[in-house]
């Protein structure tokens, strides 16, 4: 059960959030400076990468506690 809760949580912040933010109101917002957009993309890539690591820990290494920290 823990694996599925962690997987759902990762799905939300690693896939749903980027899907919602890669659009004209965030990443492609012409009112934002390029520097701000770089930080937005950097944050999305970092969160998605951490999500992949968490899924790997949960499903391959069977380390739920490591994935939660």
PDB file of N, CA and C in Angstrom:
ATOM      1  N   UNK A   1       0.816  -1.195   0.000  1.00  0.00           N
ATOM      2  CA  UNK A   1       0.000   0.000   0.000  1.00  0.00           C
ATOM      3  C   UNK A   1       0.865   1.267   0.000  1.00  0.00           C
ATOM      4  N   UNK A   2       1.994   1.244   0.756  1.00  0.00           N
ATOM      5  CA  UNK A   2       2.876   2.400   0.815  1.00  0.00           C
ATOM      6  C   UNK A   2       3.427   2.751  -0.565  1.00  0.00           C
ATOM      7  N   UNK A   3       3.749   1.720  -1.337  1.00  0.00           N
ATOM      8  CA  UNK A   3       4.302   1.958  -2.667  1.00  0.00           C
ATOM      9  C   UNK A   3       3.335   2.752  -3.537  1.00  0.00           C
ATOM     10  N   UNK A   4       2.076   2.434  -3.439  1.00  0.00           N
ATOM     11  CA  UNK A   4       1.085   3.098  -4.281  1.00  0.00           C
ATOM     12  C   UNK A   4       0.828   4.538  -3.837  1.00  0.00           C
ATOM     13  N   UNK A   5       0.887   4.779  -2.549  1.00  0.00           N
ATOM     14  CA  UNK A   5       0.720   6.146  -2.050  1.00  0.00           C
ATOM     15  C   UNK A   5       1.901   7.006  -2.482  1.00  0.00           C
ATOM     16  N   UNK A   6       3.110   6.476  -2.351  1.00  0.00           N
ATOM     17  CA  UNK A   6       4.293   7.210  -2.796  1.00  0.00           C
ATOM     18  C   UNK A   6       4.239   7.443  -4.301  1.00  0.00           C
ATOM     19  N   UNK A   7       3.863   6.434  -5.055  1.00  0.00           N
ATOM     20  CA  UNK A   7       3.779   6.569  -6.507  1.00  0.00           C
ATOM     21  C   UNK A   7       2.759   7.627  -6.901  1.00  0.00           C
ATOM     22  N   UNK A   8       1.626   7.656  -6.241  1.00  0.00           N
ATOM     23  CA  UNK A   8       0.613   8.675  -6.533  1.00  0.00           C
ATOM     24  C   UNK A   8       1.136  10.070  -6.220  1.00  0.00           C
ATOM     25  N   UNK A   9       1.815  10.212  -5.089  1.00  0.00           N
ATOM     26  CA  UNK A   9       2.381  11.512  -4.709  1.00  0.00           C
ATOM     27  C   UNK A   9       3.425  11.973  -5.715  1.00  0.00           C
ATOM     28  N   UNK A  10       4.290  11.072  -6.115  1.00  0.00           N
ATOM     29  CA  UNK A  10       5.302  11.404  -7.123  1.00  0.00           C
ATOM     30  C   UNK A  10       4.632  11.787  -8.433  1.00  0.00           C
ATOM     31  N   UNK A  11       3.607  11.060  -8.812  1.00  0.00           N
ATOM     32  CA  UNK A  11       2.870  11.370 -10.031  1.00  0.00           C
ATOM     33  C   UNK A  11       2.365  12.814 -10.002  1.00  0.00           C
ATOM     34  N   UNK A  12       1.872  13.259  -8.853  1.00  0.00           N
ATOM     35  CA  UNK A  12       1.353  14.620  -8.743  1.00  0.00           C
ATOM     36  C   UNK A  12       2.433  15.677  -8.938  1.00  0.00           C
ATOM     37  N   UNK A  13       3.559  15.547  -8.220  1.00  0.00           N
ATOM     38  CA  UNK A  13       4.551  16.627  -8.297  1.00  0.00           C
ATOM     39  C   UNK A  13       5.559  16.456  -9.431  1.00  0.00           C
ATOM     40  N   UNK A  14       5.718  15.264  -9.958  1.00  0.00           N
ATOM     41  CA  UNK A  14       6.711  15.063 -11.017  1.00  0.00           C
ATOM     42  C   UNK A  14       6.108  15.072 -12.418  1.00  0.00           C
ATOM     43  N   UNK A  15       4.810  14.845 -12.530  1.00  0.00           N
ATOM     44  CA  UNK A  15       4.180  14.827 -13.856  1.00  0.00           C
ATOM     45  C   UNK A  15       3.044  15.831 -14.000  1.00  0.00           C
ATOM     46  N   UNK A  16       2.176  15.903 -13.018  1.00  0.00           N
ATOM     47  CA  UNK A  16       1.016  16.789 -13.123  1.00  0.00           C
ATOM     48  C   UNK A  16       1.437  18.255 -13.038  1.00  0.00           C
ATOM     49  N   UNK A  17       2.285  18.600 -12.083  1.00  0.00           N
ATOM     50  CA  UNK A  17       2.713  19.994 -11.937  1.00  0.00           C
ATOM     51  C   UNK A  17       3.427  20.497 -13.195  1.00  0.00           C
ATOM     52  N   UNK A  18       4.395  19.767 -13.760  1.00  0.00           N
ATOM     53  CA  UNK A  18       4.988  20.242 -15.018  1.00  0.00           C
ATOM     54  C   UNK A  18       3.966  20.373 -16.141  1.00  0.00           C
ATOM     55  N   UNK A  19       3.053  19.439 -16.214  1.00  0.00           N
ATOM     56  CA  UNK A  19       2.011  19.523 -17.240  1.00  0.00           C
ATOM     57  C   UNK A  19       1.203  20.816 -17.088  1.00  0.00           C
ATOM     58  N   UNK A  20       0.904  21.182 -15.866  1.00  0.00           N
ATOM     59  CA  UNK A  20       0.119  22.387 -15.616  1.00  0.00           C
ATOM     60  C   UNK A  20       0.927  23.682 -15.788  1.00  0.00           C
ATOM     61  N   UNK A  21       2.238  23.618 -15.590  1.00  0.00           N
ATOM     62  CA  UNK A  21       3.042  24.834 -15.623  1.00  0.00           C
ATOM     63  C   UNK A  21       3.755  25.089 -16.946  1.00  0.00           C
ATOM     64  N   UNK A  22       3.818  24.116 -17.827  1.00  0.00           N
ATOM     65  CA  UNK A  22       4.442  24.348 -19.133  1.00  0.00           C
ATOM     66  C   UNK A  22       3.362  24.858 -20.073  1.00  0.00           C
ATOM     67  N   UNK A  23       3.109  26.153 -19.964  1.00  0.00           N
ATOM     68  CA  UNK A  23       2.090  26.806 -20.786  1.00  0.00           C
ATOM     69  C   UNK A  23       2.354  28.310 -20.805  1.00  0.00           C
ATOM     70  N   UNK A  24       1.455  29.060 -21.355  1.00  0.00           N
ATOM     71  CA  UNK A  24       1.621  30.502 -21.533  1.00  0.00           C
ATOM     72  C   UNK A  24       1.585  31.280 -20.210  1.00  0.00           C
ATOM     73  N   UNK A  25       1.020  30.696 -19.162  1.00  0.00           N
ATOM     74  CA  UNK A  25       0.946  31.422 -17.887  1.00  0.00           C
ATOM     75  C   UNK A  25       2.184  31.245 -17.023  1.00  0.00           C
ATOM     76  N   UNK A  26       3.022  30.275 -17.344  1.00  0.00           N
ATOM     77  CA  UNK A  26       4.213  30.051 -16.528  1.00  0.00           C
ATOM     78  C   UNK A  26       5.478  30.065 -17.386  1.00  0.00           C
ATOM     79  N   UNK A  27       5.875  28.924 -17.904  1.00  0.00           N
ATOM     80  CA  UNK A  27       7.153  28.803 -18.605  1.00  0.00           C
ATOM     81  C   UNK A  27       7.220  29.705 -19.843  1.00  0.00           C
ATOM     82  N   UNK A  28       6.147  29.817 -20.569  1.00  0.00           N
ATOM     83  CA  UNK A  28       6.141  30.612 -21.795  1.00  0.00           C
ATOM     84  C   UNK A  28       5.477  31.984 -21.619  1.00  0.00           C
ATOM     85  N   UNK A  29       5.416  32.462 -20.400  1.00  0.00           N
ATOM     86  CA  UNK A  29       4.798  33.759 -20.125  1.00  0.00           C
ATOM     87  C   UNK A  29       5.691  34.886 -20.654  1.00  0.00           C
ATOM     88  N   UNK A  30       5.205  35.668 -21.602  1.00  0.00           N
ATOM     89  CA  UNK A  30       6.040  36.742 -22.162  1.00  0.00           C
ATOM     90  C   UNK A  30       6.306  37.883 -21.178  1.00  0.00           C
ATOM     91  N   UNK A  31       5.525  37.983 -20.124  1.00  0.00           N
ATOM     92  CA  UNK A  31       5.732  39.036 -19.125  1.00  0.00           C
ATOM     93  C   UNK A  31       6.854  38.700 -18.141  1.00  0.00           C
ATOM     94  N   UNK A  32       7.241  37.442 -18.070  1.00  0.00           N
ATOM     95  CA  UNK A  32       8.311  37.036 -17.171  1.00  0.00           C
ATOM     96  C   UNK A  32       9.652  37.256 -17.858  1.00  0.00           C
ATOM     97  N   UNK A  33      10.651  37.614 -17.068  1.00  0.00           N
ATOM     98  CA  UNK A  33      11.992  37.762 -17.634  1.00  0.00           C
ATOM     99  C   UNK A  33      12.575  36.374 -17.916  1.00  0.00           C
ATOM    100  N   UNK A  34      13.515  36.289 -18.842  1.00  0.00           N
ATOM    101  CA  UNK A  34      14.136  34.980 -19.125  1.00  0.00           C
ATOM    102  C   UNK A  34      14.753  34.336 -17.887  1.00  0.00           C
ATOM    103  N   UNK A  35      15.307  35.156 -17.004  1.00  0.00           N
ATOM    104  CA  UNK A  35      15.919  34.618 -15.792  1.00  0.00           C
ATOM    105  C   UNK A  35      14.887  33.893 -14.918  1.00  0.00           C
ATOM    106  N   UNK A  36      13.724  34.470 -14.789  1.00  0.00           N
ATOM    107  CA  UNK A  36      12.659  33.847 -13.988  1.00  0.00           C
ATOM    108  C   UNK A  36      12.208  32.539 -14.641  1.00  0.00           C
ATOM    109  N   UNK A  37      12.097  32.539 -15.946  1.00  0.00           N
ATOM    110  CA  UNK A  37      11.675  31.321 -16.652  1.00  0.00           C
ATOM    111  C   UNK A  37      12.712  30.213 -16.513  1.00  0.00           C
ATOM    112  N   UNK A  38      13.986  30.591 -16.507  1.00  0.00           N
ATOM    113  CA  UNK A  38      15.040  29.583 -16.306  1.00  0.00           C
ATOM    114  C   UNK A  38      14.865  28.911 -14.950  1.00  0.00           C
ATOM    115  N   UNK A  39      14.570  29.696 -13.925  1.00  0.00           N
ATOM    116  CA  UNK A  39      14.370  29.118 -12.597  1.00  0.00           C
ATOM    117  C   UNK A  39      13.133  28.223 -12.559  1.00  0.00           C
ATOM    118  N   UNK A  40      12.105  28.598 -13.257  1.00  0.00           N
ATOM    119  CA  UNK A  40      10.892  27.779 -13.316  1.00  0.00           C
ATOM    120  C   UNK A  40      11.187  26.427 -13.970  1.00  0.00           C
ATOM    121  N   UNK A  41      11.872  26.444 -15.086  1.00  0.00           N
ATOM    122  CA  UNK A  41      12.222  25.196 -15.785  1.00  0.00           C
ATOM    123  C   UNK A  41      13.181  24.370 -14.938  1.00  0.00           C
ATOM    124  N   UNK A  42      14.125  25.020 -14.301  1.00  0.00           N
ATOM    125  CA  UNK A  42      15.078  24.341 -13.430  1.00  0.00           C
ATOM    126  C   UNK A  42      14.327  23.614 -12.310  1.00  0.00           C
ATOM    127  N   UNK A  43      13.372  24.285 -11.702  1.00  0.00           N
ATOM    128  CA  UNK A  43      12.584  23.679 -10.629  1.00  0.00           C
ATOM    129  C   UNK A  43      11.784  22.475 -11.140  1.00  0.00           C
ATOM    130  N   UNK A  44      11.179  22.607 -12.302  1.00  0.00           N
ATOM    131  CA  UNK A  44      10.389  21.503 -12.854  1.00  0.00           C
ATOM    132  C   UNK A  44      11.265  20.294 -13.166  1.00  0.00           C
ATOM    133  N   UNK A  45      12.434  20.525 -13.754  1.00  0.00           N
ATOM    134  CA  UNK A  45      13.348  19.425 -14.065  1.00  0.00           C
ATOM    135  C   UNK A  45      13.851  18.762 -12.786  1.00  0.00           C
ATOM    136  N   UNK A  46      14.200  19.572 -11.790  1.00  0.00           N
ATOM    137  CA  UNK A  46      14.693  19.028 -10.525  1.00  0.00           C
ATOM    138  C   UNK A  46      13.626  18.175  -9.839  1.00  0.00           C
ATOM    139  N   UNK A  47      12.407  18.684  -9.741  1.00  0.00           N
ATOM    140  CA  UNK A  47      11.333  17.926  -9.093  1.00  0.00           C
ATOM    141  C   UNK A  47      11.025  16.635  -9.841  1.00  0.00           C
ATOM    142  N   UNK A  48      11.012  16.689 -11.145  1.00  0.00           N
ATOM    143  CA  UNK A  48      10.743  15.472 -11.920  1.00  0.00           C
ATOM    144  C   UNK A  48      11.869  14.463 -11.755  1.00  0.00           C
ATOM    145  N   UNK A  49      13.104  14.932 -11.700  1.00  0.00           N
ATOM    146  CA  UNK A  49      14.244  14.030 -11.499  1.00  0.00           C
ATOM    147  C   UNK A  49      14.200  13.378 -10.118  1.00  0.00           C
ATOM    148  N   UNK A  50      13.863  14.156  -9.112  1.00  0.00           N
ATOM    149  CA  UNK A  50      13.726  13.589  -7.768  1.00  0.00           C
ATOM    150  C   UNK A  50      12.598  12.567  -7.748  1.00  0.00           C
ATOM    151  N   UNK A  51      11.530  12.833  -8.481  1.00  0.00           N
ATOM    152  CA  UNK A  51      10.427  11.878  -8.579  1.00  0.00           C
ATOM    153  C   UNK A  51      10.864  10.560  -9.189  1.00  0.00           C
ATOM    154  N   UNK A  52      11.674  10.622 -10.236  1.00  0.00           N
ATOM    155  CA  UNK A  52      12.194   9.396 -10.863  1.00  0.00           C
ATOM    156  C   UNK A  52      13.053   8.628  -9.870  1.00  0.00           C
ATOM    157  N   UNK A  53      13.894   9.340  -9.122  1.00  0.00           N
ATOM    158  CA  UNK A  53      14.721   8.695  -8.102  1.00  0.00           C
ATOM    159  C   UNK A  53      13.853   8.020  -7.038  1.00  0.00           C
ATOM    160  N   UNK A  54      12.816   8.693  -6.587  1.00  0.00           N
ATOM    161  CA  UNK A  54      11.917   8.117  -5.578  1.00  0.00           C
ATOM    162  C   UNK A  54      11.245   6.857  -6.099  1.00  0.00           C
ATOM    163  N   UNK A  55      10.778   6.896  -7.331  1.00  0.00           N
ATOM    164  CA  UNK A  55      10.143   5.704  -7.902  1.00  0.00           C
ATOM    165  C   UNK A  55      11.129   4.554  -8.029  1.00  0.00           C
ATOM    166  N   UNK A  56      12.350   4.871  -8.403  1.00  0.00           N
ATOM    167  CA  UNK A  56      13.377   3.840  -8.497  1.00  0.00           C
ATOM    168  C   UNK A  56      13.657   3.221  -7.128  1.00  0.00           C
ATOM    169  N   UNK A  57      13.748   4.071  -6.098  1.00  0.00           N
ATOM    170  CA  UNK A  57      13.987   3.552  -4.748  1.00  0.00           C
ATOM    171  C   UNK A  57      12.833   2.675  -4.273  1.00  0.00           C
ATOM    172  N   UNK A  58      11.621   3.087  -4.573  1.00  0.00           N
ATOM    173  CA  UNK A  58      10.449   2.350  -4.091  1.00  0.00           C
ATOM    174  C   UNK A  58      10.275   1.019  -4.821  1.00  0.00           C
ATOM    175  N   UNK A  59      10.378   1.048  -6.132  1.00  0.00           N
ATOM    176  CA  UNK A  59      10.032  -0.141  -6.906  1.00  0.00           C
ATOM    177  C   UNK A  59      11.216  -1.064  -7.188  1.00  0.00           C
ATOM    178  N   UNK A  60      12.426  -0.540  -7.328  1.00  0.00           N
ATOM    179  CA  UNK A  60      13.578  -1.399  -7.624  1.00  0.00           C
ATOM    180  C   UNK A  60      14.327  -1.815  -6.372  1.00  0.00           C
ATOM    181  N   UNK A  61      14.564  -0.866  -5.506  1.00  0.00           N
ATOM    182  CA  UNK A  61      15.377  -1.134  -4.317  1.00  0.00           C
ATOM    183  C   UNK A  61      14.547  -1.498  -3.092  1.00  0.00           C
ATOM    184  N   UNK A  62      13.237  -1.357  -3.181  1.00  0.00           N
ATOM    185  CA  UNK A  62      12.331  -1.666  -2.060  1.00  0.00           C
ATOM    186  C   UNK A  62      12.688  -0.843  -0.820  1.00  0.00           C
ATOM    187  N   UNK A  63      12.983   0.436  -1.024  1.00  0.00           N
ATOM    188  CA  UNK A  63      13.354   1.332   0.081  1.00  0.00           C
ATOM    189  C   UNK A  63      12.352   2.466   0.184  1.00  0.00           C
ATOM    190  N   UNK A  64      11.192   2.163   0.769  1.00  0.00           N
ATOM    191  CA  UNK A  64      10.167   3.178   0.911  1.00  0.00           C
ATOM    192  C   UNK A  64      10.605   4.326   1.814  1.00  0.00           C
ATOM    193  N   UNK A  65      11.296   4.003   2.897  1.00  0.00           N
ATOM    194  CA  UNK A  65      11.716   5.059   3.827  1.00  0.00           C
ATOM    195  C   UNK A  65      12.699   6.013   3.163  1.00  0.00           C
ATOM    196  N   UNK A  66      13.607   5.513   2.376  1.00  0.00           N
ATOM    197  CA  UNK A  66      14.564   6.375   1.681  1.00  0.00           C
ATOM    198  C   UNK A  66      13.853   7.303   0.713  1.00  0.00           C
ATOM    199  N   UNK A  67      12.823   6.825   0.065  1.00  0.00           N
ATOM    200  CA  UNK A  67      12.086   7.636  -0.898  1.00  0.00           C
ATOM    201  C   UNK A  67      11.255   8.718  -0.214  1.00  0.00           C
ATOM    202  N   UNK A  68      10.906   8.497   1.033  1.00  0.00           N
ATOM    203  CA  UNK A  68      10.083   9.473   1.748  1.00  0.00           C
ATOM    204  C   UNK A  68      10.892  10.646   2.290  1.00  0.00           C
ATOM    205  N   UNK A  69      12.180  10.464   2.490  1.00  0.00           N
ATOM    206  CA  UNK A  69      12.995  11.551   3.069  1.00  0.00           C
ATOM    207  C   UNK A  69      13.433  12.435   2.007  1.00  0.00           C
TER     208      UNK A  69
END
